[in-house]
Amino acid sequence: MNPYVLGVGTALIALSSFTVGWKVNGWRQDAQQLIIEQAAQKAADKATDAAVTAIQGIRIQNRTIRQELEREIVMQPAVGVECNISDGVFTSLNKSLAPRGDNPAVVPGPVAAP
């Protein structure tokens, strides 16, 4: 047999083997991609079903904030209106304001509540 024919035959067999292998590998990758896409679709369907179920379970409640606040204010005890500030605080305020020439105001002493 001619060595050239044998070399060409061997090259054709190698080339066809490579082509078949390449094609089979492509099919395998396509199958893997299809499996991944199907799993993602199933997960998306389950998530959608769960979201629809959760949304159907929502109860709408309308509350007026003003009524809630009035109830809280009514329930709280009233704070005394008496101001218990010592004379020392007013003295300290007057001393802090005295050195400033731009504000000659003096804080008056404690005032009795009516």
PDB file of N, CA and C in Angstrom:
ATOM      1  N   MET A   1       0.825  -1.168   0.000  1.00  0.00           N
ATOM      2  CA  MET A   1       0.000   0.000   0.000  1.00  0.00           C
ATOM      3  C   MET A   1       0.880   1.246   0.000  1.00  0.00           C
ATOM      4  N   ASN A   2       0.382   2.247  -0.659  1.00  0.00           N
ATOM      5  CA  ASN A   2       1.114   3.482  -0.822  1.00  0.00           C
ATOM      6  C   ASN A   2       1.145   4.241   0.511  1.00  0.00           C
ATOM      7  N   PRO A   3       2.329   4.726   0.918  1.00  0.00           N
ATOM      8  CA  PRO A   3       2.416   5.432   2.207  1.00  0.00           C
ATOM      9  C   PRO A   3       1.617   6.737   2.209  1.00  0.00           C
ATOM     10  N   TYR A   4       1.455   7.375   1.071  1.00  0.00           N
ATOM     11  CA  TYR A   4       0.674   8.617   1.022  1.00  0.00           C
ATOM     12  C   TYR A   4      -0.809   8.342   1.275  1.00  0.00           C
ATOM     13  N   VAL A   5      -1.301   7.271   0.701  1.00  0.00           N
ATOM     14  CA  VAL A   5      -2.710   6.911   0.892  1.00  0.00           C
ATOM     15  C   VAL A   5      -2.935   6.552   2.353  1.00  0.00           C
ATOM     16  N   LEU A   6      -1.978   5.831   2.952  1.00  0.00           N
ATOM     17  CA  LEU A   6      -2.080   5.464   4.355  1.00  0.00           C
ATOM     18  C   LEU A   6      -2.056   6.704   5.239  1.00  0.00           C
ATOM     19  N   GLY A   7      -1.206   7.680   4.933  1.00  0.00           N
ATOM     20  CA  GLY A   7      -1.125   8.928   5.699  1.00  0.00           C
ATOM     21  C   GLY A   7      -2.394   9.757   5.558  1.00  0.00           C
ATOM     22  N   VAL A   8      -2.922   9.825   4.330  1.00  0.00           N
ATOM     23  CA  VAL A   8      -4.148  10.590   4.101  1.00  0.00           C
ATOM     24  C   VAL A   8      -5.312   9.897   4.809  1.00  0.00           C
ATOM     25  N   GLY A   9      -5.366   8.599   4.756  1.00  0.00           N
ATOM     26  CA  GLY A   9      -6.424   7.829   5.423  1.00  0.00           C
ATOM     27  C   GLY A   9      -6.380   8.031   6.931  1.00  0.00           C
ATOM     28  N   THR A  10      -5.163   7.992   7.487  1.00  0.00           N
ATOM     29  CA  THR A  10      -4.997   8.202   8.918  1.00  0.00           C
ATOM     30  C   THR A  10      -5.405   9.619   9.306  1.00  0.00           C
ATOM     31  N   ALA A  11      -5.051  10.586   8.494  1.00  0.00           N
ATOM     32  CA  ALA A  11      -5.428  11.976   8.753  1.00  0.00           C
ATOM     33  C   ALA A  11      -6.938  12.146   8.695  1.00  0.00           C
ATOM     34  N   LEU A  12      -7.593  11.511   7.719  1.00  0.00           N
ATOM     35  CA  LEU A  12      -9.054  11.603   7.610  1.00  0.00           C
ATOM     36  C   LEU A  12      -9.732  10.957   8.820  1.00  0.00           C
ATOM     37  N   ILE A  13      -9.213   9.825   9.257  1.00  0.00           N
ATOM     38  CA  ILE A  13      -9.780   9.147  10.431  1.00  0.00           C
ATOM     39  C   ILE A  13      -9.595  10.025  11.667  1.00  0.00           C
ATOM     40  N   ALA A  14      -8.414  10.624  11.832  1.00  0.00           N
ATOM     41  CA  ALA A  14      -8.154  11.496  12.984  1.00  0.00           C
ATOM     42  C   ALA A  14      -9.054  12.726  12.939  1.00  0.00           C
ATOM     43  N   LEU A  15      -9.198  13.311  11.738  1.00  0.00           N
ATOM     44  CA  LEU A  15     -10.040  14.493  11.594  1.00  0.00           C
ATOM     45  C   LEU A  15     -11.499  14.169  11.870  1.00  0.00           C
ATOM     46  N   SER A  16     -11.969  13.050  11.372  1.00  0.00           N
ATOM     47  CA  SER A  16     -13.367  12.676  11.601  1.00  0.00           C
ATOM     48  C   SER A  16     -13.589  12.332  13.079  1.00  0.00           C
ATOM     49  N   SER A  17     -12.607  11.703  13.730  1.00  0.00           N
ATOM     50  CA  SER A  17     -12.721  11.403  15.160  1.00  0.00           C
ATOM     51  C   SER A  17     -12.786  12.697  15.972  1.00  0.00           C
ATOM     52  N   PHE A  18     -11.947  13.653  15.615  1.00  0.00           N
ATOM     53  CA  PHE A  18     -11.954  14.947  16.291  1.00  0.00           C
ATOM     54  C   PHE A  18     -13.292  15.644  16.100  1.00  0.00           C
ATOM     55  N   THR A  19     -13.828  15.621  14.870  1.00  0.00           N
ATOM     56  CA  THR A  19     -15.105  16.270  14.568  1.00  0.00           C
ATOM     57  C   THR A  19     -16.243  15.619  15.343  1.00  0.00           C
ATOM     58  N   VAL A  20     -16.269  14.299  15.387  1.00  0.00           N
ATOM     59  CA  VAL A  20     -17.321  13.589  16.126  1.00  0.00           C
ATOM     60  C   VAL A  20     -17.203  13.899  17.625  1.00  0.00           C
ATOM     61  N   GLY A  21     -16.002  13.879  18.135  1.00  0.00           N
ATOM     62  CA  GLY A  21     -15.795  14.205  19.556  1.00  0.00           C
ATOM     63  C   GLY A  21     -16.254  15.625  19.877  1.00  0.00           C
ATOM     64  N   TRP A  22     -15.921  16.554  18.996  1.00  0.00           N
ATOM     65  CA  TRP A  22     -16.325  17.955  19.179  1.00  0.00           C
ATOM     66  C   TRP A  22     -17.852  18.066  19.194  1.00  0.00           C
ATOM     67  N   LYS A  23     -18.500  17.362  18.280  1.00  0.00           N
ATOM     68  CA  LYS A  23     -19.962  17.412  18.169  1.00  0.00           C
ATOM     69  C   LYS A  23     -20.612  16.797  19.417  1.00  0.00           C
ATOM     70  N   VAL A  24     -20.101  15.640  19.881  1.00  0.00           N
ATOM     71  CA  VAL A  24     -20.654  14.979  21.065  1.00  0.00           C
ATOM     72  C   VAL A  24     -20.458  15.856  22.297  1.00  0.00           C
ATOM     73  N   ASN A  25     -19.326  16.525  22.416  1.00  0.00           N
ATOM     74  CA  ASN A  25     -19.077  17.428  23.533  1.00  0.00           C
ATOM     75  C   ASN A  25     -20.060  18.603  23.506  1.00  0.00           C
ATOM     76  N   GLY A  26     -20.355  19.107  22.339  1.00  0.00           N
ATOM     77  CA  GLY A  26     -21.347  20.188  22.199  1.00  0.00           C
ATOM     78  C   GLY A  26     -22.726  19.731  22.648  1.00  0.00           C
ATOM     79  N   TRP A  27     -23.093  18.491  22.271  1.00  0.00           N
ATOM     80  CA  TRP A  27     -24.386  17.959  22.704  1.00  0.00           C
ATOM     81  C   TRP A  27     -24.437  17.834  24.233  1.00  0.00           C
ATOM     82  N   ARG A  28     -23.318  17.387  24.830  1.00  0.00           N
ATOM     83  CA  ARG A  28     -23.258  17.228  26.284  1.00  0.00           C
ATOM     84  C   ARG A  28     -23.420  18.579  26.974  1.00  0.00           C
ATOM     85  N   GLN A  29     -22.738  19.597  26.469  1.00  0.00           N
ATOM     86  CA  GLN A  29     -22.855  20.934  27.061  1.00  0.00           C
ATOM     87  C   GLN A  29     -24.269  21.498  26.888  1.00  0.00           C
ATOM     88  N   ASP A  30     -24.875  21.235  25.735  1.00  0.00           N
ATOM     89  CA  ASP A  30     -26.253  21.684  25.518  1.00  0.00           C
ATOM     90  C   ASP A  30     -27.202  21.009  26.506  1.00  0.00           C
ATOM     91  N   ALA A  31     -26.981  19.703  26.758  1.00  0.00           N
ATOM     92  CA  ALA A  31     -27.832  18.972  27.696  1.00  0.00           C
ATOM     93  C   ALA A  31     -27.667  19.527  29.114  1.00  0.00           C
ATOM     94  N   GLN A  32     -26.432  19.842  29.506  1.00  0.00           N
ATOM     95  CA  GLN A  32     -26.192  20.417  30.827  1.00  0.00           C
ATOM     96  C   GLN A  32     -26.865  21.788  30.953  1.00  0.00           C
ATOM     97  N   GLN A  33     -26.756  22.594  29.916  1.00  0.00           N
ATOM     98  CA  GLN A  33     -27.378  23.914  29.926  1.00  0.00           C
ATOM     99  C   GLN A  33     -28.898  23.791  30.027  1.00  0.00           C
ATOM    100  N   LEU A  34     -29.477  22.818  29.337  1.00  0.00           N
ATOM    101  CA  LEU A  34     -30.919  22.594  29.391  1.00  0.00           C
ATOM    102  C   LEU A  34     -31.351  22.191  30.801  1.00  0.00           C
ATOM    103  N   ILE A  35     -30.572  21.328  31.454  1.00  0.00           N
ATOM    104  CA  ILE A  35     -30.883  20.907  32.824  1.00  0.00           C
ATOM    105  C   ILE A  35     -30.846  22.108  33.762  1.00  0.00           C
ATOM    106  N   ILE A  36     -29.844  22.979  33.613  1.00  0.00           N
ATOM    107  CA  ILE A  36     -29.725  24.179  34.453  1.00  0.00           C
ATOM    108  C   ILE A  36     -30.909  25.109  34.228  1.00  0.00           C
ATOM    109  N   GLU A  37     -31.291  25.304  32.971  1.00  0.00           N
ATOM    110  CA  GLU A  37     -32.416  26.188  32.663  1.00  0.00           C
ATOM    111  C   GLU A  37     -33.725  25.629  33.204  1.00  0.00           C
ATOM    112  N   GLN A  38     -33.919  24.317  33.126  1.00  0.00           N
ATOM    113  CA  GLN A  38     -35.139  23.704  33.652  1.00  0.00           C
ATOM    114  C   GLN A  38     -35.197  23.846  35.181  1.00  0.00           C
ATOM    115  N   ALA A  39     -34.061  23.654  35.850  1.00  0.00           N
ATOM    116  CA  ALA A  39     -34.025  23.808  37.312  1.00  0.00           C
ATOM    117  C   ALA A  39     -34.315  25.252  37.702  1.00  0.00           C
ATOM    118  N   ALA A  40     -33.751  26.203  36.955  1.00  0.00           N
ATOM    119  CA  ALA A  40     -34.011  27.618  37.247  1.00  0.00           C
ATOM    120  C   ALA A  40     -35.487  27.957  37.034  1.00  0.00           C
ATOM    121  N   GLN A  41     -36.093  27.395  36.002  1.00  0.00           N
ATOM    122  CA  GLN A  41     -37.515  27.647  35.735  1.00  0.00           C
ATOM    123  C   GLN A  41     -38.387  27.066  36.848  1.00  0.00           C
ATOM    124  N   LYS A  42     -38.042  25.862  37.326  1.00  0.00           N
ATOM    125  CA  LYS A  42     -38.796  25.253  38.424  1.00  0.00           C
ATOM    126  C   LYS A  42     -38.674  26.104  39.693  1.00  0.00           C
ATOM    127  N   ALA A  43     -37.461  26.591  39.981  1.00  0.00           N
ATOM    128  CA  ALA A  43     -37.264  27.430  41.163  1.00  0.00           C
ATOM    129  C   ALA A  43     -38.045  28.738  41.042  1.00  0.00           C
ATOM    130  N   ALA A  44     -38.052  29.317  39.853  1.00  0.00           N
ATOM    131  CA  ALA A  44     -38.801  30.561  39.644  1.00  0.00           C
ATOM    132  C   ALA A  44     -40.298  30.318  39.800  1.00  0.00           C
ATOM    133  N   ASP A  45     -40.793  29.200  39.310  1.00  0.00           N
ATOM    134  CA  ASP A  45     -42.214  28.871  39.457  1.00  0.00           C
ATOM    135  C   ASP A  45     -42.588  28.694  40.925  1.00  0.00           C
ATOM    136  N   LYS A  46     -41.739  27.992  41.685  1.00  0.00           N
ATOM    137  CA  LYS A  46     -42.008  27.803  43.110  1.00  0.00           C
ATOM    138  C   LYS A  46     -41.984  29.140  43.849  1.00  0.00           C
ATOM    139  N   ALA A  47     -41.014  30.003  43.525  1.00  0.00           N
ATOM    140  CA  ALA A  47     -40.933  31.315  44.176  1.00  0.00           C
ATOM    141  C   ALA A  47     -42.153  32.165  43.835  1.00  0.00           C
ATOM    142  N   THR A  48     -42.602  32.093  42.598  1.00  0.00           N
ATOM    143  CA  THR A  48     -43.792  32.845  42.190  1.00  0.00           C
ATOM    144  C   THR A  48     -45.019  32.346  42.938  1.00  0.00           C
ATOM    145  N   ASP A  49     -45.158  31.024  43.042  1.00  0.00           N
ATOM    146  CA  ASP A  49     -46.293  30.456  43.782  1.00  0.00           C
ATOM    147  C   ASP A  49     -46.253  30.883  45.247  1.00  0.00           C
ATOM    148  N   ALA A  50     -45.072  30.866  45.856  1.00  0.00           N
ATOM    149  CA  ALA A  50     -44.950  31.278  47.258  1.00  0.00           C
ATOM    150  C   ALA A  50     -45.297  32.753  47.423  1.00  0.00           C
ATOM    151  N   ALA A  51     -44.861  33.592  46.481  1.00  0.00           N
ATOM    152  CA  ALA A  51     -45.165  35.025  46.559  1.00  0.00           C
ATOM    153  C   ALA A  51     -46.660  35.278  46.396  1.00  0.00           C
ATOM    154  N   VAL A  52     -47.286  34.558  45.471  1.00  0.00           N
ATOM    155  CA  VAL A  52     -48.736  34.717  45.271  1.00  0.00           C
ATOM    156  C   VAL A  52     -49.483  34.296  46.523  1.00  0.00           C
ATOM    157  N   THR A  53     -49.079  33.197  47.138  1.00  0.00           N
ATOM    158  CA  THR A  53     -49.721  32.733  48.368  1.00  0.00           C
ATOM    159  C   THR A  53     -49.548  33.756  49.487  1.00  0.00           C
ATOM    160  N   ALA A  54     -48.350  34.307  49.609  1.00  0.00           N
ATOM    161  CA  ALA A  54     -48.098  35.308  50.652  1.00  0.00           C
ATOM    162  C   ALA A  54     -48.911  36.571  50.405  1.00  0.00           C
ATOM    163  N   ILE A  55     -49.017  36.985  49.169  1.00  0.00           N
ATOM    164  CA  ILE A  55     -49.772  38.200  48.845  1.00  0.00           C
ATOM    165  C   ILE A  55     -51.261  37.975  49.107  1.00  0.00           C
ATOM    166  N   GLN A  56     -51.747  36.777  48.820  1.00  0.00           N
ATOM    167  CA  GLN A  56     -53.162  36.488  49.072  1.00  0.00           C
ATOM    168  C   GLN A  56     -53.470  36.493  50.560  1.00  0.00           C
ATOM    169  N   GLY A  57     -52.480  36.210  51.390  1.00  0.00           N
ATOM    170  CA  GLY A  57     -52.689  36.180  52.832  1.00  0.00           C
ATOM    171  C   GLY A  57     -52.613  37.541  53.500  1.00  0.00           C
ATOM    172  N   ILE A  58     -52.302  38.580  52.761  1.00  0.00           N
ATOM    173  CA  ILE A  58     -52.176  39.918  53.346  1.00  0.00           C
ATOM    174  C   ILE A  58     -53.563  40.461  53.663  1.00  0.00           C
ATOM    175  N   ARG A  59     -53.723  40.964  54.871  1.00  0.00           N
ATOM    176  CA  ARG A  59     -54.969  41.632  55.258  1.00  0.00           C
ATOM    177  C   ARG A  59     -54.684  43.124  55.335  1.00  0.00           C
ATOM    178  N   ILE A  60     -55.493  43.889  54.686  1.00  0.00           N
ATOM    179  CA  ILE A  60     -55.312  45.340  54.694  1.00  0.00           C
ATOM    180  C   ILE A  60     -56.034  45.896  55.908  1.00  0.00           C
ATOM    181  N   GLN A  61     -55.319  46.655  56.709  1.00  0.00           N
ATOM    182  CA  GLN A  61     -55.903  47.285  57.886  1.00  0.00           C
ATOM    183  C   GLN A  61     -55.652  48.780  57.794  1.00  0.00           C
ATOM    184  N   ASN A  62     -56.709  49.529  57.826  1.00  0.00           N
ATOM    185  CA  ASN A  62     -56.588  50.981  57.807  1.00  0.00           C
ATOM    186  C   ASN A  62     -56.722  51.504  59.228  1.00  0.00           C
ATOM    187  N   ARG A  63     -55.744  52.238  59.660  1.00  0.00           N
ATOM    188  CA  ARG A  63     -55.767  52.829  60.997  1.00  0.00           C
ATOM    189  C   ARG A  63     -55.508  54.323  60.865  1.00  0.00           C
ATOM    190  N   THR A  64     -56.223  55.061  61.648  1.00  0.00           N
ATOM    191  CA  THR A  64     -56.011  56.504  61.665  1.00  0.00           C
ATOM    192  C   THR A  64     -54.980  56.809  62.744  1.00  0.00           C
ATOM    193  N   ILE A  65     -53.924  57.429  62.360  1.00  0.00           N
ATOM    194  CA  ILE A  65     -52.838  57.708  63.302  1.00  0.00           C
ATOM    195  C   ILE A  65     -53.315  58.649  64.403  1.00  0.00           C
ATOM    196  N   ARG A  66     -54.167  59.579  64.069  1.00  0.00           N
ATOM    197  CA  ARG A  66     -54.619  60.570  65.040  1.00  0.00           C
ATOM    198  C   ARG A  66     -55.325  59.882  66.203  1.00  0.00           C
ATOM    199  N   GLN A  67     -56.154  58.878  65.919  1.00  0.00           N
ATOM    200  CA  GLN A  67     -56.856  58.179  66.990  1.00  0.00           C
ATOM    201  C   GLN A  67     -55.875  57.435  67.901  1.00  0.00           C
ATOM    202  N   GLU A  68     -54.859  56.832  67.320  1.00  0.00           N
ATOM    203  CA  GLU A  68     -53.870  56.128  68.128  1.00  0.00           C
ATOM    204  C   GLU A  68     -53.128  57.107  69.031  1.00  0.00           C
ATOM    205  N   LEU A  69     -52.760  58.258  68.501  1.00  0.00           N
ATOM    206  CA  LEU A  69     -52.030  59.229  69.300  1.00  0.00           C
ATOM    207  C   LEU A  69     -52.897  59.792  70.405  1.00  0.00           C
ATOM    208  N   GLU A  70     -54.164  60.066  70.140  1.00  0.00           N
ATOM    209  CA  GLU A  70     -55.052  60.562  71.176  1.00  0.00           C
ATOM    210  C   GLU A  70     -55.175  59.535  72.304  1.00  0.00           C
ATOM    211  N   ARG A  71     -55.239  58.263  71.949  1.00  0.00           N
ATOM    212  CA  ARG A  71     -55.355  57.231  72.964  1.00  0.00           C
ATOM    213  C   ARG A  71     -54.091  57.198  73.820  1.00  0.00           C
ATOM    214  N   GLU A  72     -52.943  57.343  73.203  1.00  0.00           N
ATOM    215  CA  GLU A  72     -51.697  57.355  73.971  1.00  0.00           C
ATOM    216  C   GLU A  72     -51.620  58.566  74.879  1.00  0.00           C
ATOM    217  N   ILE A  73     -52.021  59.724  74.372  1.00  0.00           N
ATOM    218  CA  ILE A  73     -51.945  60.944  75.179  1.00  0.00           C
ATOM    219  C   ILE A  73     -52.915  60.855  76.354  1.00  0.00           C
ATOM    220  N   VAL A  74     -54.086  60.319  76.137  1.00  0.00           N
ATOM    221  CA  VAL A  74     -55.077  60.206  77.201  1.00  0.00           C
ATOM    222  C   VAL A  74     -54.583  59.252  78.272  1.00  0.00           C
ATOM    223  N   MET A  75     -53.854  58.221  77.896  1.00  0.00           N
ATOM    224  CA  MET A  75     -53.419  57.219  78.852  1.00  0.00           C
ATOM    225  C   MET A  75     -52.228  57.679  79.691  1.00  0.00           C
ATOM    226  N   GLN A  76     -51.507  58.692  79.268  1.00  0.00           N
ATOM    227  CA  GLN A  76     -50.330  59.157  79.981  1.00  0.00           C
ATOM    228  C   GLN A  76     -50.730  60.130  81.092  1.00  0.00           C
ATOM    229  N   PRO A  77     -50.137  60.031  82.274  1.00  0.00           N
ATOM    230  CA  PRO A  77     -50.460  60.996  83.337  1.00  0.00           C
ATOM    231  C   PRO A  77     -49.884  62.368  82.984  1.00  0.00           C
ATOM    232  N   ALA A  78     -50.547  63.390  83.445  1.00  0.00           N
ATOM    233  CA  ALA A  78     -50.118  64.759  83.167  1.00  0.00           C
ATOM    234  C   ALA A  78     -48.903  65.093  84.019  1.00  0.00           C
ATOM    235  N   VAL A  79     -47.958  65.817  83.444  1.00  0.00           N
ATOM    236  CA  VAL A  79     -46.761  66.236  84.150  1.00  0.00           C
ATOM    237  C   VAL A  79     -47.059  67.555  84.844  1.00  0.00           C
ATOM    238  N   GLY A  80     -46.543  67.746  86.030  1.00  0.00           N
ATOM    239  CA  GLY A  80     -46.776  68.989  86.778  1.00  0.00           C
ATOM    240  C   GLY A  80     -46.228  70.202  86.046  1.00  0.00           C
ATOM    241  N   VAL A  81     -46.864  71.353  86.245  1.00  0.00           N
ATOM    242  CA  VAL A  81     -46.465  72.575  85.543  1.00  0.00           C
ATOM    243  C   VAL A  81     -45.508  73.413  86.378  1.00  0.00           C
ATOM    244  N   GLU A  82     -45.103  72.908  87.517  1.00  0.00           N
ATOM    245  CA  GLU A  82     -44.229  73.660  88.399  1.00  0.00           C
ATOM    246  C   GLU A  82     -42.791  73.590  87.889  1.00  0.00           C
ATOM    247  N   CYS A  83     -42.096  74.684  87.884  1.00  0.00           N
ATOM    248  CA  CYS A  83     -40.714  74.746  87.425  1.00  0.00           C
ATOM    249  C   CYS A  83     -39.816  74.831  88.641  1.00  0.00           C
ATOM    250  N   ASN A  84     -39.016  73.823  88.874  1.00  0.00           N
ATOM    251  CA  ASN A  84     -38.156  73.783  90.058  1.00  0.00           C
ATOM    252  C   ASN A  84     -36.710  74.044  89.656  1.00  0.00           C
ATOM    253  N   ILE A  85     -36.394  75.287  89.355  1.00  0.00           N
ATOM    254  CA  ILE A  85     -35.023  75.664  89.017  1.00  0.00           C
ATOM    255  C   ILE A  85     -34.491  76.503  90.160  1.00  0.00           C
ATOM    256  N   SER A  86     -33.307  76.161  90.621  1.00  0.00           N
ATOM    257  CA  SER A  86     -32.748  76.860  91.774  1.00  0.00           C
ATOM    258  C   SER A  86     -32.243  78.244  91.373  1.00  0.00           C
ATOM    259  N   ASP A  87     -32.047  79.097  92.368  1.00  0.00           N
ATOM    260  CA  ASP A  87     -31.547  80.448  92.128  1.00  0.00           C
ATOM    261  C   ASP A  87     -30.117  80.419  91.599  1.00  0.00           C
ATOM    262  N   GLY A  88     -29.367  79.349  91.925  1.00  0.00           N
ATOM    263  CA  GLY A  88     -27.989  79.233  91.448  1.00  0.00           C
ATOM    264  C   GLY A  88     -27.917  79.120  89.931  1.00  0.00           C
ATOM    265  N   VAL A  89     -28.917  78.493  89.314  1.00  0.00           N
ATOM    266  CA  VAL A  89     -28.938  78.370  87.862  1.00  0.00           C
ATOM    267  C   VAL A  89     -29.109  79.741  87.230  1.00  0.00           C
ATOM    268  N   PHE A  90     -30.014  80.558  87.778  1.00  0.00           N
ATOM    269  CA  PHE A  90     -30.215  81.902  87.233  1.00  0.00           C
ATOM    270  C   PHE A  90     -28.977  82.772  87.431  1.00  0.00           C
ATOM    271  N   THR A  91     -28.289  82.593  88.557  1.00  0.00           N
ATOM    272  CA  THR A  91     -27.057  83.344  88.802  1.00  0.00           C
ATOM    273  C   THR A  91     -25.995  82.956  87.784  1.00  0.00           C
ATOM    274  N   SER A  92     -25.883  81.674  87.498  1.00  0.00           N
ATOM    275  CA  SER A  92     -24.899  81.211  86.516  1.00  0.00           C
ATOM    276  C   SER A  92     -25.221  81.742  85.119  1.00  0.00           C
ATOM    277  N   LEU A  93     -26.490  81.774  84.773  1.00  0.00           N
ATOM    278  CA  LEU A  93     -26.882  82.320  83.475  1.00  0.00           C
ATOM    279  C   LEU A  93     -26.552  83.804  83.378  1.00  0.00           C
ATOM    280  N   ASN A  94     -26.815  84.547  84.426  1.00  0.00           N
ATOM    281  CA  ASN A  94     -26.524  85.987  84.425  1.00  0.00           C
ATOM    282  C   ASN A  94     -25.025  86.240  84.319  1.00  0.00           C
ATOM    283  N   LYS A  95     -24.222  85.421  84.993  1.00  0.00           N
ATOM    284  CA  LYS A  95     -22.769  85.587  84.916  1.00  0.00           C
ATOM    285  C   LYS A  95     -22.253  85.273  83.510  1.00  0.00           C
ATOM    286  N   SER A  96     -22.838  84.265  82.864  1.00  0.00           N
ATOM    287  CA  SER A  96     -22.369  83.907  81.533  1.00  0.00           C
ATOM    288  C   SER A  96     -22.766  84.958  80.502  1.00  0.00           C
ATOM    289  N   LEU A  97     -23.866  85.663  80.726  1.00  0.00           N
ATOM    290  CA  LEU A  97     -24.305  86.685  79.778  1.00  0.00           C
ATOM    291  C   LEU A  97     -23.678  88.043  80.053  1.00  0.00           C
ATOM    292  N   ALA A  98     -23.241  88.314  81.262  1.00  0.00           N
ATOM    293  CA  ALA A  98     -22.732  89.629  81.631  1.00  0.00           C
ATOM    294  C   ALA A  98     -21.485  90.049  80.858  1.00  0.00           C
ATOM    295  N   PRO A  99     -20.465  89.205  80.644  1.00  0.00           N
ATOM    296  CA  PRO A  99     -19.256  89.673  79.963  1.00  0.00           C
ATOM    297  C   PRO A  99     -19.477  90.047  78.503  1.00  0.00           C
ATOM    298  N   ARG A 100     -20.531  89.583  77.900  1.00  0.00           N
ATOM    299  CA  ARG A 100     -20.748  89.869  76.491  1.00  0.00           C
ATOM    300  C   ARG A 100     -21.340  91.259  76.346  1.00  0.00           C
ATOM    301  N   GLY A 101     -20.683  92.065  75.579  1.00  0.00           N
ATOM    302  CA  GLY A 101     -21.143  93.433  75.387  1.00  0.00           C
ATOM    303  C   GLY A 101     -22.271  93.540  74.384  1.00  0.00           C
ATOM    304  N   ASP A 102     -22.430  92.567  73.514  1.00  0.00           N
ATOM    305  CA  ASP A 102     -23.434  92.669  72.468  1.00  0.00           C
ATOM    306  C   ASP A 102     -24.820  92.260  72.955  1.00  0.00           C
ATOM    307  N   ASN A 103     -24.931  91.603  74.119  1.00  0.00           N
ATOM    308  CA  ASN A 103     -26.226  91.168  74.629  1.00  0.00           C
ATOM    309  C   ASN A 103     -26.322  91.502  76.113  1.00  0.00           C
ATOM    310  N   PRO A 104     -26.846  92.649  76.460  1.00  0.00           N
ATOM    311  CA  PRO A 104     -26.903  93.047  77.875  1.00  0.00           C
ATOM    312  C   PRO A 104     -28.094  92.433  78.604  1.00  0.00           C
ATOM    313  N   ALA A 105     -28.735  91.433  78.013  1.00  0.00           N
ATOM    314  CA  ALA A 105     -29.920  90.840  78.634  1.00  0.00           C
ATOM    315  C   ALA A 105     -29.550  90.118  79.913  1.00  0.00           C
ATOM    316  N   VAL A 106     -30.440  90.167  80.864  1.00  0.00           N
ATOM    317  CA  VAL A 106     -30.262  89.481  82.139  1.00  0.00           C
ATOM    318  C   VAL A 106     -31.471  88.574  82.321  1.00  0.00           C
ATOM    319  N   VAL A 107     -31.209  87.350  82.693  1.00  0.00           N
ATOM    320  CA  VAL A 107     -32.285  86.391  82.874  1.00  0.00           C
ATOM    321  C   VAL A 107     -32.967  86.700  84.204  1.00  0.00           C
ATOM    322  N   PRO A 108     -34.285  86.883  84.202  1.00  0.00           N
ATOM    323  CA  PRO A 108     -34.973  87.183  85.465  1.00  0.00           C
ATOM    324  C   PRO A 108     -34.993  85.954  86.369  1.00  0.00           C
ATOM    325  N   GLY A 109     -35.268  86.161  87.621  1.00  0.00           N
ATOM    326  CA  GLY A 109     -35.329  85.086  88.607  1.00  0.00           C
ATOM    327  C   GLY A 109     -36.548  84.198  88.339  1.00  0.00           C
ATOM    328  N   PRO A 110     -36.711  83.178  89.187  1.00  0.00           N
ATOM    329  CA  PRO A 110     -37.832  82.268  88.993  1.00  0.00           C
ATOM    330  C   PRO A 110     -39.170  82.976  89.139  1.00  0.00           C
ATOM    331  N   VAL A 111     -40.116  82.556  88.295  1.00  0.00           N
ATOM    332  CA  VAL A 111     -41.436  83.138  88.304  1.00  0.00           C
ATOM    333  C   VAL A 111     -42.398  82.096  88.855  1.00  0.00           C
ATOM    334  N   ALA A 112     -43.267  82.489  89.750  1.00  0.00           N
ATOM    335  CA  ALA A 112     -44.229  81.557  90.320  1.00  0.00           C
ATOM    336  C   ALA A 112     -45.284  81.220  89.282  1.00  0.00           C
ATOM    337  N   ALA A 113     -45.708  79.935  89.274  1.00  0.00           N
ATOM    338  CA  ALA A 113     -46.737  79.507  88.322  1.00  0.00           C
ATOM    339  C   ALA A 113     -48.090  80.049  88.766  1.00  0.00           C
ATOM    340  N   PRO A 114     -48.956  80.400  87.814  1.00  0.00           N
ATOM    341  CA  PRO A 114     -50.265  80.976  88.192  1.00  0.00           C
ATOM    342  C   PRO A 114     -51.176  79.943  88.818  1.00  0.00           C
TER     343      PRO A 114
END
